């Protein structure tokens, strides 16, 4: 007894060590068995889902196999059937209390909803991720935003863009371009200008010159000439140098406004800025002067264009006729045939007649009468 009492409690007794090793080995064996059983159940669920046995797959999931992997297999199967797609978001949200969905779960659903042209439902799902302690995936957010721009209202896209920024996802230039185009297509010019002016700059994406050109053109077409001026000034304040296309839009707005003197002054400013007017610039002002009945200025402009070495080629003539048709109809276009420049230049005269006929503004009888 004295010997037994003298043995330390933590002594290395072989029998005790063997018993501990046996317990560890038994635990590992049980874990392997559990993994094999789980793999078997996952394969079974995937097989059931693949063969559209959705009821059996859902039963297996709810009774035995509550894992994110199983949830994703079930969601993929549901999403493969258009008839069951509308139930997929509910399945995910109902499973959330006991099964934690992962980023893949949301990717499966949002990508399928976008393909089905249901981006609003996809956006609503992504908004649920933060409450489940999941970060929305930037790639999924951009795909949903693109789909919103195509198949939902532009205002929904703008609202989702704000949520992306709140989640720390910086929109790219292509994201802004999609929203910008969507707003302009819906006629929301002021909203598009707001996005360009305030949101793009605050997120480190500087608006390019092309955006200002489109905004000014849209404001000009809706006769919001003060907004055209504001857009032009904002462009200059940002250090952007207008090119000839931007000048042409601005000059076109001045002509629509009836400020022909301002349009002529802007042509002079172009020269001083090292951006000389092109044939389209002259065409815009010629159209404005003809609409105002100022044929004397028209002749001056035509001669000035020639002095600049510019030529009224078929594309320029077609564009000029289009402007005249929009501003004053066929009568103004016919008057071009009486201008000395076109009467004495057989090549240009032929091109002008061809352009008028192509626009449906001149028939054979009219050609004979003018000759």
Foldseek 3Di string as FASTA:
>chain_A
DVVVVPDDPPDDDPVVVVVVVVVVVVVVVVVVVVVVVLVVLLVVLLVCLVVVVLVVSVVSCVPPNQEQSSLLSSLLSQLVDPVRLVCSVVSVVVSCVPYPHAQSSLLSNQVSCLVVLNLVVSLVSQVCQVVSVYQHDLVSLLSSLLSCLVRHALVSSVVSQVVCVVSVHQDDPVSLVSSLVSCVVVLNLVVSVCCQQPVCVVSPHHDDPVSLQVSLLSCLVVLVLVVNVVSVVSCVVVVHDDAQSSLLSNLLSCLSVVNLVVSVVSQVVCVVVVHHHALLSLLSSLLSCLLVVNVVVNLVSVVVNVVVVHDCALVSLLVSVVSNCVRPRLVSLLVVLVDPVLVVDVVNVVSSQVSCVVVVSDDPVSVVVSD
